[in-house]
N, C-alpha and C. Protein backbone atom coordinates (compact mmCIF):
# COMPACT_ATOMS: atom_id res chain seq x y z
N UNK A 1 0.84 -1.18 0.00
CA UNK A 1 0.00 0.00 0.00
C UNK A 1 0.88 1.24 0.00
N UNK A 2 0.47 2.20 -0.80
CA UNK A 2 1.15 3.50 -0.84
C UNK A 2 0.21 4.52 -0.20
N UNK A 3 0.75 5.36 0.65
CA UNK A 3 -0.05 6.41 1.29
C UNK A 3 0.60 7.75 0.98
N UNK A 4 -0.24 8.68 0.52
CA UNK A 4 0.22 10.02 0.22
C UNK A 4 -0.56 11.02 1.04
N UNK A 5 0.14 12.03 1.55
CA UNK A 5 -0.52 13.17 2.16
C UNK A 5 -0.65 14.20 1.05
N UNK A 6 -1.88 14.69 0.88
CA UNK A 6 -2.15 15.67 -0.18
C UNK A 6 -2.87 16.85 0.49
N UNK A 7 -2.09 17.78 1.00
CA UNK A 7 -2.64 18.89 1.78
C UNK A 7 -3.51 19.84 0.97
N UNK A 8 -3.32 19.87 -0.35
CA UNK A 8 -4.13 20.77 -1.17
C UNK A 8 -5.38 20.07 -1.73
N UNK A 9 -5.73 18.93 -1.20
CA UNK A 9 -6.97 18.22 -1.52
C UNK A 9 -8.01 18.72 -0.52
N UNK A 10 -9.03 19.45 -1.00
CA UNK A 10 -9.93 20.12 -0.07
C UNK A 10 -11.41 19.79 -0.22
N UNK A 11 -11.79 19.06 -1.29
CA UNK A 11 -13.23 18.84 -1.51
C UNK A 11 -13.48 17.56 -2.29
N UNK A 12 -14.72 17.26 -2.50
CA UNK A 12 -15.10 16.06 -3.24
C UNK A 12 -14.60 16.07 -4.68
N UNK A 13 -14.54 17.25 -5.29
CA UNK A 13 -14.01 17.34 -6.65
C UNK A 13 -12.53 16.94 -6.67
N UNK A 14 -11.79 17.36 -5.67
CA UNK A 14 -10.38 16.98 -5.56
C UNK A 14 -10.25 15.46 -5.44
N UNK A 15 -11.09 14.87 -4.60
CA UNK A 15 -11.06 13.42 -4.41
C UNK A 15 -11.30 12.72 -5.74
N UNK A 16 -12.32 13.16 -6.48
CA UNK A 16 -12.64 12.55 -7.77
C UNK A 16 -11.49 12.72 -8.76
N UNK A 17 -10.88 13.90 -8.80
CA UNK A 17 -9.77 14.16 -9.72
C UNK A 17 -8.57 13.28 -9.42
N UNK A 18 -8.25 13.13 -8.14
CA UNK A 18 -7.11 12.31 -7.75
C UNK A 18 -7.39 10.84 -8.03
N UNK A 19 -8.59 10.39 -7.72
CA UNK A 19 -8.96 8.99 -7.99
C UNK A 19 -8.87 8.70 -9.47
N UNK A 20 -9.38 9.58 -10.29
CA UNK A 20 -9.33 9.42 -11.74
C UNK A 20 -7.89 9.39 -12.24
N UNK A 21 -7.06 10.27 -11.72
CA UNK A 21 -5.65 10.33 -12.13
C UNK A 21 -4.92 9.03 -11.78
N UNK A 22 -5.17 8.52 -10.58
CA UNK A 22 -4.52 7.27 -10.16
C UNK A 22 -4.96 6.13 -11.06
N UNK A 23 -6.25 6.05 -11.33
CA UNK A 23 -6.76 4.95 -12.16
C UNK A 23 -6.31 5.06 -13.61
N UNK A 24 -5.92 6.25 -14.04
CA UNK A 24 -5.40 6.42 -15.40
C UNK A 24 -4.05 5.73 -15.56
N UNK A 25 -3.27 5.65 -14.48
CA UNK A 25 -1.96 4.98 -14.56
C UNK A 25 -2.01 3.56 -14.02
N UNK A 26 -3.07 3.23 -13.27
CA UNK A 26 -3.21 1.88 -12.71
C UNK A 26 -4.71 1.58 -12.58
N UNK A 27 -5.28 1.06 -13.65
CA UNK A 27 -6.73 0.86 -13.71
C UNK A 27 -7.27 -0.04 -12.61
N UNK A 28 -6.46 -0.97 -12.13
CA UNK A 28 -6.92 -1.90 -11.11
C UNK A 28 -6.65 -1.47 -9.68
N UNK A 29 -6.09 -0.29 -9.51
CA UNK A 29 -5.74 0.18 -8.16
C UNK A 29 -6.97 0.40 -7.31
N UNK A 30 -6.84 0.07 -6.03
CA UNK A 30 -7.88 0.40 -5.05
C UNK A 30 -7.46 1.71 -4.42
N UNK A 31 -8.36 2.68 -4.45
CA UNK A 31 -8.06 4.02 -3.94
C UNK A 31 -9.00 4.34 -2.79
N UNK A 32 -8.44 4.71 -1.66
CA UNK A 32 -9.22 5.14 -0.52
C UNK A 32 -8.75 6.53 -0.10
N UNK A 33 -9.69 7.42 0.10
CA UNK A 33 -9.34 8.79 0.42
C UNK A 33 -9.96 9.18 1.76
N UNK A 34 -9.14 9.76 2.62
CA UNK A 34 -9.61 10.34 3.88
C UNK A 34 -9.43 11.84 3.75
N UNK A 35 -10.51 12.50 3.33
CA UNK A 35 -10.44 13.94 3.06
C UNK A 35 -10.10 14.73 4.32
N UNK A 36 -10.66 14.35 5.45
CA UNK A 36 -10.41 15.08 6.70
C UNK A 36 -8.93 15.03 7.09
N UNK A 37 -8.28 13.89 6.87
CA UNK A 37 -6.85 13.75 7.20
C UNK A 37 -5.95 14.10 6.03
N UNK A 38 -6.55 14.36 4.86
CA UNK A 38 -5.81 14.69 3.63
C UNK A 38 -4.89 13.53 3.21
N UNK A 39 -5.40 12.30 3.35
CA UNK A 39 -4.62 11.11 3.00
C UNK A 39 -5.26 10.36 1.85
N UNK A 40 -4.41 9.87 0.95
CA UNK A 40 -4.84 9.03 -0.15
C UNK A 40 -4.10 7.71 0.00
N UNK A 41 -4.86 6.62 0.17
CA UNK A 41 -4.29 5.28 0.31
C UNK A 41 -4.55 4.52 -0.97
N UNK A 42 -3.49 3.96 -1.53
CA UNK A 42 -3.61 3.28 -2.82
C UNK A 42 -3.00 1.89 -2.71
N UNK A 43 -3.77 0.90 -3.15
CA UNK A 43 -3.25 -0.45 -3.31
C UNK A 43 -3.06 -0.65 -4.80
N UNK A 44 -1.85 -0.44 -5.30
CA UNK A 44 -1.61 -0.52 -6.74
C UNK A 44 -1.55 -1.96 -7.24
N UNK A 45 -1.85 -2.13 -8.51
CA UNK A 45 -1.67 -3.42 -9.16
C UNK A 45 -0.55 -3.39 -10.18
N UNK A 46 -0.21 -2.19 -10.66
CA UNK A 46 0.82 -2.05 -11.69
C UNK A 46 1.82 -0.93 -11.40
N UNK A 47 1.34 0.21 -10.97
CA UNK A 47 2.17 1.40 -10.84
C UNK A 47 2.96 1.41 -9.53
N UNK A 48 4.13 2.05 -9.58
CA UNK A 48 4.91 2.21 -8.36
C UNK A 48 4.63 3.59 -7.76
N UNK A 49 5.23 3.86 -6.61
CA UNK A 49 4.96 5.11 -5.88
C UNK A 49 5.28 6.34 -6.73
N UNK A 50 6.35 6.28 -7.49
CA UNK A 50 6.74 7.41 -8.32
C UNK A 50 5.70 7.70 -9.40
N UNK A 51 5.19 6.65 -10.04
CA UNK A 51 4.17 6.83 -11.07
C UNK A 51 2.87 7.36 -10.47
N UNK A 52 2.50 6.86 -9.30
CA UNK A 52 1.29 7.32 -8.64
C UNK A 52 1.42 8.79 -8.23
N UNK A 53 2.55 9.15 -7.66
CA UNK A 53 2.79 10.55 -7.28
C UNK A 53 2.77 11.45 -8.51
N UNK A 54 3.36 10.97 -9.58
CA UNK A 54 3.37 11.75 -10.83
C UNK A 54 1.97 12.00 -11.36
N UNK A 55 1.12 10.98 -11.27
CA UNK A 55 -0.26 11.13 -11.74
C UNK A 55 -1.02 12.14 -10.88
N UNK A 56 -0.81 12.09 -9.59
CA UNK A 56 -1.48 13.04 -8.69
C UNK A 56 -0.96 14.46 -8.94
N UNK A 57 0.33 14.58 -9.18
CA UNK A 57 0.92 15.89 -9.49
C UNK A 57 0.37 16.43 -10.81
N UNK A 58 0.28 15.57 -11.82
CA UNK A 58 -0.27 15.98 -13.12
C UNK A 58 -1.70 16.47 -13.00
N UNK A 59 -2.43 15.93 -12.02
CA UNK A 59 -3.81 16.35 -11.80
C UNK A 59 -3.88 17.71 -11.09
N UNK A 60 -2.73 18.23 -10.66
CA UNK A 60 -2.68 19.56 -10.07
C UNK A 60 -2.53 19.60 -8.56
N UNK A 61 -2.10 18.49 -7.97
CA UNK A 61 -1.97 18.42 -6.52
C UNK A 61 -0.52 18.16 -6.11
N UNK A 62 -0.27 18.24 -4.82
CA UNK A 62 1.09 18.11 -4.30
C UNK A 62 1.19 16.93 -3.33
N UNK A 63 1.35 15.72 -3.86
CA UNK A 63 1.42 14.54 -2.98
C UNK A 63 2.77 14.41 -2.30
N UNK A 64 2.73 13.95 -1.05
CA UNK A 64 3.94 13.65 -0.30
C UNK A 64 3.79 12.21 0.18
N UNK A 65 4.72 11.36 -0.22
CA UNK A 65 4.67 9.96 0.19
C UNK A 65 4.87 9.85 1.69
N UNK A 66 3.99 9.13 2.35
CA UNK A 66 4.11 8.87 3.78
C UNK A 66 4.96 7.63 3.92
N UNK A 67 6.12 7.79 4.53
CA UNK A 67 7.08 6.69 4.61
C UNK A 67 6.58 5.51 5.43
N UNK A 68 5.87 5.77 6.51
CA UNK A 68 5.35 4.69 7.33
C UNK A 68 3.84 4.85 7.42
N UNK A 69 3.10 4.20 6.50
CA UNK A 69 1.65 4.40 6.48
C UNK A 69 0.96 3.94 7.76
N UNK A 70 1.57 3.02 8.50
CA UNK A 70 0.96 2.56 9.74
C UNK A 70 0.92 3.66 10.78
N UNK A 71 1.92 4.53 10.79
CA UNK A 71 1.90 5.66 11.71
C UNK A 71 0.79 6.63 11.34
N UNK A 72 0.54 6.80 10.05
CA UNK A 72 -0.53 7.69 9.61
C UNK A 72 -1.88 7.16 10.05
N UNK A 73 -2.08 5.86 9.94
CA UNK A 73 -3.35 5.28 10.36
C UNK A 73 -3.51 5.40 11.86
N UNK A 74 -2.43 5.22 12.60
CA UNK A 74 -2.50 5.34 14.05
C UNK A 74 -2.87 6.77 14.44
N UNK A 75 -2.27 7.75 13.78
CA UNK A 75 -2.56 9.14 14.07
C UNK A 75 -3.99 9.49 13.71
N UNK A 76 -4.53 8.81 12.69
CA UNK A 76 -5.90 9.06 12.26
C UNK A 76 -6.91 8.24 13.04
N UNK A 77 -6.41 7.43 13.98
CA UNK A 77 -7.31 6.61 14.78
C UNK A 77 -7.70 5.33 14.08
N UNK A 78 -6.95 4.96 13.03
CA UNK A 78 -7.26 3.76 12.28
C UNK A 78 -6.70 2.51 12.91
N UNK A 79 -7.04 1.39 12.35
CA UNK A 79 -6.56 0.11 12.83
C UNK A 79 -5.15 -0.11 12.27
N UNK A 80 -4.23 -0.48 13.10
CA UNK A 80 -2.87 -0.67 12.64
C UNK A 80 -2.39 -2.10 12.81
N UNK A 81 -2.85 -2.82 13.78
CA UNK A 81 -2.41 -4.18 14.02
C UNK A 81 -3.28 -5.17 13.27
N UNK A 82 -2.85 -6.43 13.25
CA UNK A 82 -3.57 -7.46 12.51
C UNK A 82 -4.96 -7.71 13.09
N UNK A 83 -5.15 -7.40 14.34
CA UNK A 83 -6.45 -7.65 14.98
C UNK A 83 -7.15 -6.35 15.36
N UNK A 84 -6.63 -5.22 14.90
CA UNK A 84 -7.21 -3.94 15.23
C UNK A 84 -6.58 -3.25 16.43
N UNK A 85 -5.53 -3.89 16.98
CA UNK A 85 -4.83 -3.26 18.10
C UNK A 85 -3.94 -2.15 17.56
N UNK A 86 -3.30 -1.42 18.41
CA UNK A 86 -2.46 -0.32 17.96
C UNK A 86 -1.01 -0.73 17.76
N UNK A 87 -0.70 -1.99 17.90
CA UNK A 87 0.69 -2.40 17.79
C UNK A 87 0.93 -3.23 16.66
């Protein structure tokens, strides 16, 4: 999974644009967006992080790869462990 922080993503139109851009480079990718946290989570099938970031940039946004996506989920109150624990 690749996780990007996209601070200039502010509305539903932004979400749709980013999702469309990601799917243009990886049609089978699963894209999850947390607008409140400004996070885009992608499970790619073909594209690597650089290609995904490039697609988001081409759509007009400024993605920053989150090096440890588990820390992002923990900060967002998400499940991080295999059973939903925080470890």
